Amino acid sequence: MSEISDITWFVLVSTIMAILGIVLGTMLPAIAMGRSISHALEALSRQPEAEGSITRTLFIGLAMIESLAIYCLVIVLIVLFRNPLLEYLIQ
């Protein structure tokens, strides 16, 4: 059996953590979006005359929640393809 090097372990752990990061980074904003849409529909059923205000606020909130998921994706891609800590292991 061959011994696994430190670089291989580091890449393996980085990949597993990136997978967990993208899972949490998409699952949690999806839950938040579902809750915000649910509450917006509840608010619309209570006050139909405030539809414009509720809808506008909902879309702004959904855009902010979606930006969190995109930031998470960007960080995960940086870790996977251009990991700055990997340079220290190679030296």
Protein backbone atom coordinates (compact mmCIF):
# COMPACT_ATOMS: atom_id res chain seq x y z
CA MET A 1 0.00 0.00 0.00
CA SER A 2 1.28 3.41 -0.89
CA GLU A 3 1.25 6.23 1.57
CA ILE A 4 -0.96 9.19 0.72
CA SER A 5 0.94 12.48 0.64
CA ASP A 6 0.00 15.66 2.48
CA ILE A 7 -1.00 17.35 -0.77
CA THR A 8 -3.39 14.52 -1.64
CA TRP A 9 -5.00 14.71 1.80
CA PHE A 10 -5.28 18.48 1.54
CA VAL A 11 -6.92 18.29 -1.89
CA LEU A 12 -9.27 15.55 -0.69
CA VAL A 13 -10.33 17.49 2.41
CA SER A 14 -10.68 20.71 0.37
CA THR A 15 -12.93 18.94 -2.10
CA ILE A 16 -15.11 17.44 0.63
CA MET A 17 -15.42 20.80 2.39
CA ALA A 18 -16.27 22.50 -0.91
CA ILE A 19 -19.02 19.95 -1.48
CA LEU A 20 -20.40 20.59 2.00
CA GLY A 21 -20.12 24.32 1.43
CA ILE A 22 -22.08 24.23 -1.80
CA VAL A 23 -24.71 21.94 -0.24
CA LEU A 24 -25.23 24.31 2.68
CA GLY A 25 -24.82 27.36 0.46
CA THR A 26 -27.69 26.29 -1.75
CA MET A 27 -29.90 24.52 0.77
CA LEU A 28 -30.08 27.27 3.38
CA PRO A 29 -30.89 30.13 0.96
CA ALA A 30 -33.50 27.87 -0.67
CA ILE A 31 -35.14 27.37 2.71
CA ALA A 32 -34.99 31.12 3.36
CA MET A 33 -36.57 31.82 -0.03
CA GLY A 34 -39.37 29.37 0.66
CA ARG A 35 -40.07 30.94 4.03
CA SER A 36 -40.06 34.47 2.63
CA ILE A 37 -42.42 33.54 -0.20
CA SER A 38 -44.69 31.77 2.28
CA HIS A 39 -44.80 34.79 4.56
CA ALA A 40 -45.36 37.13 1.61
CA LEU A 41 -48.33 35.05 0.47
CA GLU A 42 -49.69 35.09 4.00
CA ALA A 43 -49.30 38.87 4.13
CA LEU A 44 -51.03 39.19 0.75
CA SER A 45 -53.95 37.13 1.96
CA ARG A 46 -54.31 39.38 5.02
CA GLN A 47 -53.86 42.70 3.18
CA PRO A 48 -54.56 42.39 -0.55
CA GLU A 49 -54.48 46.17 -0.95
CA ALA A 50 -50.76 46.23 -0.06
CA GLU A 51 -49.84 43.94 -2.95
CA GLY A 52 -47.41 46.35 -4.63
CA SER A 53 -45.44 47.08 -1.48
CA ILE A 54 -45.28 43.44 -0.38
CA THR A 55 -44.27 42.20 -3.83
CA ARG A 56 -41.56 44.85 -4.21
CA THR A 57 -40.13 44.07 -0.78
CA LEU A 58 -40.30 40.33 -1.51
CA PHE A 59 -38.32 40.66 -4.74
CA ILE A 60 -35.64 42.77 -3.07
CA GLY A 61 -35.32 40.21 -0.28
CA LEU A 62 -35.19 37.30 -2.73
CA ALA A 63 -32.44 39.04 -4.69
CA MET A 64 -30.38 39.49 -1.52
CA ILE A 65 -30.89 35.86 -0.51
CA GLU A 66 -29.89 34.71 -3.99
CA SER A 67 -26.74 36.84 -3.84
CA LEU A 68 -25.67 34.90 -0.73
CA ALA A 69 -25.92 31.65 -2.66
CA ILE A 70 -23.90 33.12 -5.51
CA TYR A 71 -21.19 34.35 -3.11
CA CYS A 72 -21.01 30.88 -1.63
CA LEU A 73 -20.61 29.38 -5.11
CA VAL A 74 -17.79 31.81 -5.92
CA ILE A 75 -15.91 31.00 -2.71
CA VAL A 76 -16.31 27.25 -3.29
CA LEU A 77 -15.01 27.57 -6.85
CA ILE A 78 -12.00 29.55 -5.61
CA VAL A 79 -11.23 26.85 -3.04
CA LEU A 80 -11.56 24.10 -5.63
CA PHE A 81 -9.65 25.60 -8.53
CA ARG A 82 -7.30 28.20 -7.05
CA ASN A 83 -6.72 27.26 -3.46
CA PRO A 84 -4.26 29.76 -1.97
CA LEU A 85 -3.27 27.39 0.83
CA LEU A 86 -2.11 24.75 -1.63
CA GLU A 87 0.92 26.88 -2.56
CA TYR A 88 2.26 26.60 0.98
CA LEU A 89 2.14 22.80 0.89
CA ILE A 90 3.98 22.56 -2.41
CA GLN A 91 6.96 24.64 -1.21
